[in-house]
Structure formats: C-alpha cells, structure tokens
PDB file of all heavy atoms in Angstrom:
ATOM      1  N   GLU A   1      12.295  -2.719   3.439  1.00  0.00           N
ATOM      2  CA  GLU A   1      11.104  -2.747   2.640  1.00  0.00           C
ATOM      3  C   GLU A   1      10.048  -3.616   3.312  1.00  0.00           C
ATOM      4  O   GLU A   1      10.397  -4.583   3.956  1.00  0.00           O
ATOM      5  CB  GLU A   1      11.374  -3.286   1.211  1.00  0.00           C
ATOM      6  CG  GLU A   1      11.940  -2.258   0.276  1.00  0.00           C
ATOM      7  CD  GLU A   1      11.951  -2.736  -1.183  1.00  0.00           C
ATOM      8  OE1 GLU A   1      11.525  -3.880  -1.440  1.00  0.00           O
ATOM      9  OE2 GLU A   1      12.352  -1.953  -2.032  1.00  0.00           O
ATOM     10  N   GLU A   2       8.819  -3.219   3.122  1.00  0.00           N
ATOM     11  CA  GLU A   2       7.690  -4.022   3.653  1.00  0.00           C
ATOM     12  C   GLU A   2       6.541  -3.889   2.638  1.00  0.00           C
ATOM     13  O   GLU A   2       6.232  -2.822   2.143  1.00  0.00           O
ATOM     14  CB  GLU A   2       7.233  -3.487   5.016  1.00  0.00           C
ATOM     15  CG  GLU A   2       6.202  -4.352   5.703  1.00  0.00           C
ATOM     16  CD  GLU A   2       6.805  -5.684   6.196  1.00  0.00           C
ATOM     17  OE1 GLU A   2       8.019  -5.706   6.537  1.00  0.00           O
ATOM     18  OE2 GLU A   2       6.040  -6.656   6.282  1.00  0.00           O
ATOM     19  N   THR A   3       5.953  -5.047   2.323  1.00  0.00           N
ATOM     20  CA  THR A   3       4.769  -5.044   1.441  1.00  0.00           C
ATOM     21  C   THR A   3       3.534  -4.903   2.271  1.00  0.00           C
ATOM     22  O   THR A   3       3.246  -5.727   3.151  1.00  0.00           O
ATOM     23  CB  THR A   3       4.756  -6.373   0.609  1.00  0.00           C
ATOM     24  OG1 THR A   3       5.959  -6.445  -0.146  1.00  0.00           O
ATOM     25  CG2 THR A   3       3.537  -6.380  -0.303  1.00  0.00           C
ATOM     26  N   LEU A   4       2.733  -3.865   1.983  1.00  0.00           N
ATOM     27  CA  LEU A   4       1.595  -3.533   2.829  1.00  0.00           C
ATOM     28  C   LEU A   4       0.289  -3.778   2.023  1.00  0.00           C
ATOM     29  O   LEU A   4       0.038  -3.089   0.997  1.00  0.00           O
ATOM     30  CB  LEU A   4       1.618  -2.078   3.255  1.00  0.00           C
ATOM     31  CG  LEU A   4       2.915  -1.654   3.980  1.00  0.00           C
ATOM     32  CD1 LEU A   4       2.843  -0.186   4.387  1.00  0.00           C
ATOM     33  CD2 LEU A   4       3.171  -2.518   5.213  1.00  0.00           C
ATOM     34  N   PRO A   5      -0.537  -4.700   2.392  1.00  0.00           N
ATOM     35  CA  PRO A   5      -1.784  -4.982   1.670  1.00  0.00           C
ATOM     36  C   PRO A   5      -2.798  -3.848   1.870  1.00  0.00           C
ATOM     37  O   PRO A   5      -2.716  -3.099   2.866  1.00  0.00           O
ATOM     38  CB  PRO A   5      -2.278  -6.266   2.311  1.00  0.00           C
ATOM     39  CG  PRO A   5      -1.693  -6.255   3.676  1.00  0.00           C
ATOM     40  CD  PRO A   5      -0.332  -5.577   3.558  1.00  0.00           C
ATOM     41  N   HIS A   6      -3.698  -3.719   0.916  1.00  0.00           N
ATOM     42  CA  HIS A   6      -4.744  -2.707   0.989  1.00  0.00           C
ATOM     43  C   HIS A   6      -6.036  -3.322   1.552  1.00  0.00           C
ATOM     44  O   HIS A   6      -6.310  -4.511   1.379  1.00  0.00           O
ATOM     45  CB  HIS A   6      -5.066  -2.118  -0.391  1.00  0.00           C
ATOM     46  CG  HIS A   6      -3.920  -1.339  -0.964  1.00  0.00           C
ATOM     47  ND1 HIS A   6      -4.020  -0.610  -2.145  1.00  0.00           N
ATOM     48  CD2 HIS A   6      -2.643  -1.194  -0.558  1.00  0.00           C
ATOM     49  CE1 HIS A   6      -2.856  -0.039  -2.398  1.00  0.00           C
ATOM     50  NE2 HIS A   6      -2.004  -0.381  -1.468  1.00  0.00           N
ATOM     51  N   ARG A   7      -6.798  -2.492   2.253  1.00  0.00           N
ATOM     52  CA  ARG A   7      -8.120  -2.924   2.719  1.00  0.00           C
ATOM     53  C   ARG A   7      -9.166  -2.617   1.651  1.00  0.00           C
ATOM     54  O   ARG A   7      -8.875  -1.868   0.693  1.00  0.00           O
ATOM     55  CB  ARG A   7      -8.460  -2.174   4.037  1.00  0.00           C
ATOM     56  CG  ARG A   7      -7.507  -2.456   5.164  1.00  0.00           C
ATOM     57  CD  ARG A   7      -7.893  -1.669   6.368  1.00  0.00           C
ATOM     58  NE  ARG A   7      -6.991  -1.843   7.523  1.00  0.00           N
ATOM     59  CZ  ARG A   7      -7.113  -1.205   8.673  1.00  0.00           C
ATOM     60  NH1 ARG A   7      -8.047  -0.356   8.873  1.00  0.00           N
ATOM     61  NH2 ARG A   7      -6.211  -1.459   9.634  1.00  0.00           N
ATOM     62  N   ALA A   8     -10.335  -3.136   1.823  1.00  0.00           N
ATOM     63  CA  ALA A   8     -11.427  -2.884   0.852  1.00  0.00           C
ATOM     64  C   ALA A   8     -11.723  -1.412   0.737  1.00  0.00           C
ATOM     65  O   ALA A   8     -11.965  -0.874  -0.360  1.00  0.00           O
ATOM     66  CB  ALA A   8     -12.656  -3.650   1.261  1.00  0.00           C
ATOM     67  N   GLU A   9     -11.760  -0.716   1.891  1.00  0.00           N
ATOM     68  CA  GLU A   9     -12.052   0.735   1.808  1.00  0.00           C
ATOM     69  C   GLU A   9     -10.953   1.521   1.121  1.00  0.00           C
ATOM     70  O   GLU A   9     -11.221   2.622   0.634  1.00  0.00           O
ATOM     71  CB  GLU A   9     -12.296   1.303   3.246  1.00  0.00           C
ATOM     72  CG  GLU A   9     -11.105   1.173   4.173  1.00  0.00           C
ATOM     73  CD  GLU A   9     -11.169  -0.083   5.030  1.00  0.00           C
ATOM     74  OE1 GLU A   9     -11.731  -1.119   4.596  1.00  0.00           O
ATOM     75  OE2 GLU A   9     -10.661  -0.049   6.155  1.00  0.00           O
ATOM     76  N   ASP A  10      -9.734   0.987   1.110  1.00  0.00           N
ATOM     77  CA  ASP A  10      -8.663   1.701   0.391  1.00  0.00           C
ATOM     78  C   ASP A  10      -8.976   1.715  -1.126  1.00  0.00           C
ATOM     79  O   ASP A  10      -8.827   2.749  -1.789  1.00  0.00           O
ATOM     80  CB  ASP A  10      -7.336   1.007   0.616  1.00  0.00           C
ATOM     81  CG  ASP A  10      -6.883   1.028   2.073  1.00  0.00           C
ATOM     82  OD1 ASP A  10      -7.290   1.963   2.765  1.00  0.00           O
ATOM     83  OD2 ASP A  10      -6.162   0.094   2.498  1.00  0.00           O
ATOM     84  N   ALA A  11      -9.397   0.580  -1.640  1.00  0.00           N
ATOM     85  CA  ALA A  11      -9.708   0.537  -3.066  1.00  0.00           C
ATOM     86  C   ALA A  11     -10.850   1.437  -3.423  1.00  0.00           C
ATOM     87  O   ALA A  11     -10.899   2.040  -4.501  1.00  0.00           O
ATOM     88  CB  ALA A  11     -10.033  -0.929  -3.436  1.00  0.00           C
ATOM     89  N   ALA A  12     -11.836   1.568  -2.516  1.00  0.00           N
ATOM     90  CA  ALA A  12     -12.965   2.447  -2.782  1.00  0.00           C
ATOM     91  C   ALA A  12     -12.537   3.920  -2.849  1.00  0.00           C
ATOM     92  O   ALA A  12     -13.005   4.703  -3.666  1.00  0.00           O
ATOM     93  CB  ALA A  12     -14.043   2.319  -1.707  1.00  0.00           C
ATOM     94  N   GLY A  13     -11.594   4.324  -1.967  1.00  0.00           N
ATOM     95  CA  GLY A  13     -11.114   5.688  -1.974  1.00  0.00           C
ATOM     96  C   GLY A  13     -10.202   6.060  -3.104  1.00  0.00           C
ATOM     97  O   GLY A  13     -10.101   7.235  -3.468  1.00  0.00           O
ATOM     98  N   ASN A  14      -9.504   5.078  -3.656  1.00  0.00           N
ATOM     99  CA  ASN A  14      -8.556   5.378  -4.712  1.00  0.00           C
ATOM    100  C   ASN A  14      -8.556   4.185  -5.712  1.00  0.00           C
ATOM    101  O   ASN A  14      -7.599   3.457  -5.788  1.00  0.00           O
ATOM    102  CB  ASN A  14      -7.171   5.587  -4.130  1.00  0.00           C
ATOM    103  CG  ASN A  14      -6.319   6.466  -5.017  1.00  0.00           C
ATOM    104  OD1 ASN A  14      -6.362   6.403  -6.218  1.00  0.00           O
ATOM    105  ND2 ASN A  14      -5.526   7.342  -4.398  1.00  0.00           N
ATOM    106  N   PRO A  15      -9.673   4.039  -6.442  1.00  0.00           N
ATOM    107  CA  PRO A  15      -9.771   2.881  -7.366  1.00  0.00           C
ATOM    108  C   PRO A  15      -8.671   2.917  -8.397  1.00  0.00           C
ATOM    109  O   PRO A  15      -8.292   3.953  -8.927  1.00  0.00           O
ATOM    110  CB  PRO A  15     -11.151   3.061  -7.969  1.00  0.00           C
ATOM    111  CG  PRO A  15     -11.488   4.518  -7.806  1.00  0.00           C
ATOM    112  CD  PRO A  15     -10.829   4.914  -6.526  1.00  0.00           C
ATOM    113  N   GLY A  16      -8.203   1.767  -8.740  1.00  0.00           N
ATOM    114  CA  GLY A  16      -7.139   1.655  -9.757  1.00  0.00           C
ATOM    115  C   GLY A  16      -5.740   1.779  -9.206  1.00  0.00           C
ATOM    116  O   GLY A  16      -4.769   1.620  -9.959  1.00  0.00           O
ATOM    117  N   SER A  17      -5.593   2.072  -7.928  1.00  0.00           N
ATOM    118  CA  SER A  17      -4.272   2.194  -7.367  1.00  0.00           C
ATOM    119  C   SER A  17      -3.604   0.822  -7.253  1.00  0.00           C
ATOM    120  O   SER A  17      -4.281  -0.182  -6.954  1.00  0.00           O
ATOM    121  CB  SER A  17      -4.317   2.838  -5.984  1.00  0.00           C
ATOM    122  OG  SER A  17      -5.092   2.054  -5.126  1.00  0.00           O
ATOM    123  N   PRO A  18      -2.305   0.753  -7.471  1.00  0.00           N
ATOM    124  CA  PRO A  18      -1.659  -0.568  -7.409  1.00  0.00           C
ATOM    125  C   PRO A  18      -1.655  -1.089  -5.997  1.00  0.00           C
ATOM    126  O   PRO A  18      -1.448  -0.386  -5.021  1.00  0.00           O
ATOM    127  CB  PRO A  18      -0.203  -0.250  -7.882  1.00  0.00           C
ATOM    128  CG  PRO A  18      -0.038   1.215  -7.657  1.00  0.00           C
ATOM    129  CD  PRO A  18      -1.386   1.824  -7.869  1.00  0.00           C
ATOM    130  N   SER A  19      -1.957  -2.375  -5.873  1.00  0.00           N
ATOM    131  CA  SER A  19      -1.995  -3.047  -4.573  1.00  0.00           C
ATOM    132  C   SER A  19      -1.166  -4.329  -4.670  1.00  0.00           C
ATOM    133  O   SER A  19      -1.189  -5.010  -5.666  1.00  0.00           O
ATOM    134  CB  SER A  19      -3.422  -3.377  -4.206  1.00  0.00           C
ATOM    135  OG  SER A  19      -3.482  -4.079  -2.979  1.00  0.00           O
ATOM    136  N   PRO A  20      -0.360  -4.604  -3.636  1.00  0.00           N
ATOM    137  CA  PRO A  20      -0.153  -3.836  -2.384  1.00  0.00           C
ATOM    138  C   PRO A  20       0.817  -2.697  -2.581  1.00  0.00           C
ATOM    139  O   PRO A  20       1.404  -2.499  -3.649  1.00  0.00           O
ATOM    140  CB  PRO A  20       0.430  -4.925  -1.453  1.00  0.00           C
ATOM    141  CG  PRO A  20       1.216  -5.801  -2.393  1.00  0.00           C
ATOM    142  CD  PRO A  20       0.381  -5.882  -3.662  1.00  0.00           C
ATOM    143  N   THR A  21       0.974  -1.893  -1.536  1.00  0.00           N
ATOM    144  CA  THR A  21       1.974  -0.847  -1.497  1.00  0.00           C
ATOM    145  C   THR A  21       3.294  -1.391  -0.988  1.00  0.00           C
ATOM    146  O   THR A  21       3.346  -2.034   0.065  1.00  0.00           O
ATOM    147  CB  THR A  21       1.490   0.310  -0.554  1.00  0.00           C
ATOM    148  OG1 THR A  21       0.378   0.980  -1.167  1.00  0.00           O
ATOM    149  CG2 THR A  21       2.602   1.327  -0.309  1.00  0.00           C
ATOM    150  N   VAL A  22       4.356  -1.047  -1.699  1.00  0.00           N
ATOM    151  CA  VAL A  22       5.703  -1.405  -1.261  1.00  0.00           C
ATOM    152  C   VAL A  22       6.277  -0.238  -0.541  1.00  0.00           C
ATOM    153  O   VAL A  22       6.520   0.829  -1.133  1.00  0.00           O
ATOM    154  CB  VAL A  22       6.598  -1.824  -2.439  1.00  0.00           C
ATOM    155  CG1 VAL A  22       8.024  -2.158  -1.923  1.00  0.00           C
ATOM    156  CG2 VAL A  22       6.011  -3.031  -3.158  1.00  0.00           C
ATOM    157  N   PHE A  23       6.423  -0.335   0.749  1.00  0.00           N
ATOM    158  CA  PHE A  23       6.926   0.743   1.616  1.00  0.00           C
ATOM    159  C   PHE A  23       8.406   0.583   1.810  1.00  0.00           C
ATOM    160  O   PHE A  23       8.888  -0.454   2.213  1.00  0.00           O
ATOM    161  CB  PHE A  23       6.176   0.657   2.979  1.00  0.00           C
ATOM    162  CG  PHE A  23       6.713   1.612   4.028  1.00  0.00           C
ATOM    163  CD1 PHE A  23       7.006   2.912   3.697  1.00  0.00           C
ATOM    164  CD2 PHE A  23       6.889   1.184   5.311  1.00  0.00           C
ATOM    165  CE1 PHE A  23       7.522   3.779   4.680  1.00  0.00           C
ATOM    166  CE2 PHE A  23       7.382   2.017   6.301  1.00  0.00           C
ATOM    167  CZ  PHE A  23       7.684   3.343   5.982  1.00  0.00           C
ATOM    168  N   THR A  24       9.146   1.678   1.491  1.00  0.00           N
ATOM    169  CA  THR A  24      10.594   1.704   1.635  1.00  0.00           C
ATOM    170  C   THR A  24      11.009   2.753   2.650  1.00  0.00           C
ATOM    171  O   THR A  24      10.556   3.904   2.557  1.00  0.00           O
ATOM    172  CB  THR A  24      11.258   2.025   0.262  1.00  0.00           C
ATOM    173  OG1 THR A  24      10.844   1.077  -0.687  1.00  0.00           O
ATOM    174  CG2 THR A  24      12.760   2.018   0.374  1.00  0.00           C
ATOM    175  N   TRP A  25      11.876   2.385   3.602  1.00  0.00           N
ATOM    176  CA  TRP A  25      12.378   3.350   4.545  1.00  0.00           C
ATOM    177  C   TRP A  25      13.821   2.997   4.917  1.00  0.00           C
ATOM    178  O   TRP A  25      14.302   1.936   4.524  1.00  0.00           O
ATOM    179  CB  TRP A  25      11.477   3.409   5.810  1.00  0.00           C
ATOM    180  CG  TRP A  25      11.676   2.323   6.783  1.00  0.00           C
ATOM    181  CD1 TRP A  25      12.434   2.332   7.947  1.00  0.00           C
ATOM    182  CD2 TRP A  25      11.065   1.023   6.763  1.00  0.00           C
ATOM    183  NE1 TRP A  25      12.335   1.148   8.602  1.00  0.00           N
ATOM    184  CE2 TRP A  25      11.491   0.303   7.919  1.00  0.00           C
ATOM    185  CE3 TRP A  25      10.201   0.366   5.872  1.00  0.00           C
ATOM    186  CZ2 TRP A  25      11.123  -0.990   8.175  1.00  0.00           C
ATOM    187  CZ3 TRP A  25       9.842  -0.923   6.138  1.00  0.00           C
ATOM    188  CH2 TRP A  25      10.285  -1.610   7.270  1.00  0.00           C
ATOM    189  N   TYR A  26      14.447   3.870   5.636  1.00  0.00           N
ATOM    190  CA  TYR A  26      15.831   3.667   6.049  1.00  0.00           C
ATOM    191  C   TYR A  26      15.918   3.612   7.578  1.00  0.00           C
ATOM    192  O   TYR A  26      15.535   4.578   8.250  1.00  0.00           O
ATOM    193  CB  TYR A  26      16.740   4.755   5.447  1.00  0.00           C
ATOM    194  CG  TYR A  26      16.939   4.502   3.957  1.00  0.00           C
ATOM    195  CD1 TYR A  26      15.961   4.901   3.055  1.00  0.00           C
ATOM    196  CD2 TYR A  26      18.027   3.822   3.486  1.00  0.00           C
ATOM    197  CE1 TYR A  26      16.105   4.637   1.690  1.00  0.00           C
ATOM    198  CE2 TYR A  26      18.200   3.548   2.129  1.00  0.00           C
ATOM    199  CZ  TYR A  26      17.223   3.973   1.242  1.00  0.00           C
ATOM    200  OH  TYR A  26      17.368   3.684  -0.096  1.00  0.00           O
ATOM    201  N   GLN A  27      16.388   2.517   8.075  1.00  0.00           N
ATOM    202  CA  GLN A  27      16.440   2.245   9.505  1.00  0.00           C
ATOM    203  C   GLN A  27      17.804   2.606  10.073  1.00  0.00           C
ATOM    204  O   GLN A  27      18.830   2.249   9.491  1.00  0.00           O
ATOM    205  CB  GLN A  27      16.164   0.797   9.800  1.00  0.00           C
ATOM    206  CG  GLN A  27      15.933   0.419  11.261  1.00  0.00           C
ATOM    207  CD  GLN A  27      14.582   0.929  11.753  1.00  0.00           C
ATOM    208  OE1 GLN A  27      13.552   0.865  11.073  1.00  0.00           O
ATOM    209  NE2 GLN A  27      14.528   1.388  13.004  1.00  0.00           N
ATOM    210  N   ARG A  28      17.859   3.290  11.195  1.00  0.00           N
ATOM    211  CA  ARG A  28      19.117   3.620  11.806  1.00  0.00           C
ATOM    212  C   ARG A  28      19.746   2.374  12.421  1.00  0.00           C
ATOM    213  O   ARG A  28      19.107   1.622  13.158  1.00  0.00           O
ATOM    214  CB  ARG A  28      18.947   4.696  12.891  1.00  0.00           C
ATOM    215  CG  ARG A  28      20.302   5.148  13.459  1.00  0.00           C
ATOM    216  CD  ARG A  28      20.151   6.331  14.418  1.00  0.00           C
ATOM    217  NE  ARG A  28      21.449   6.750  14.942  1.00  0.00           N
ATOM    218  CZ  ARG A  28      22.243   7.617  14.326  1.00  0.00           C
ATOM    219  NH1 ARG A  28      21.837   8.177  13.215  1.00  0.00           N
ATOM    220  NH2 ARG A  28      23.417   7.920  14.849  1.00  0.00           N
TER     221      ARG A  28
END
C-alpha cells in the first residue's frame, strides 16, 4: 500500500473526491 497525495489540479478535475488516494497492489 502507498498513500498518494493529490495535486491542486486533481481537486479541480474531480471536486469532492477523497484525498489522499490509498493505492493497493500486489508485488511479486
């Protein structure tokens, strides 16, 4: 897991979206 912060332009493109994004992946 990695917590990814949003930029200012991200909020403009999708207002109201939860920030930051919690990214989940599976590593070999």
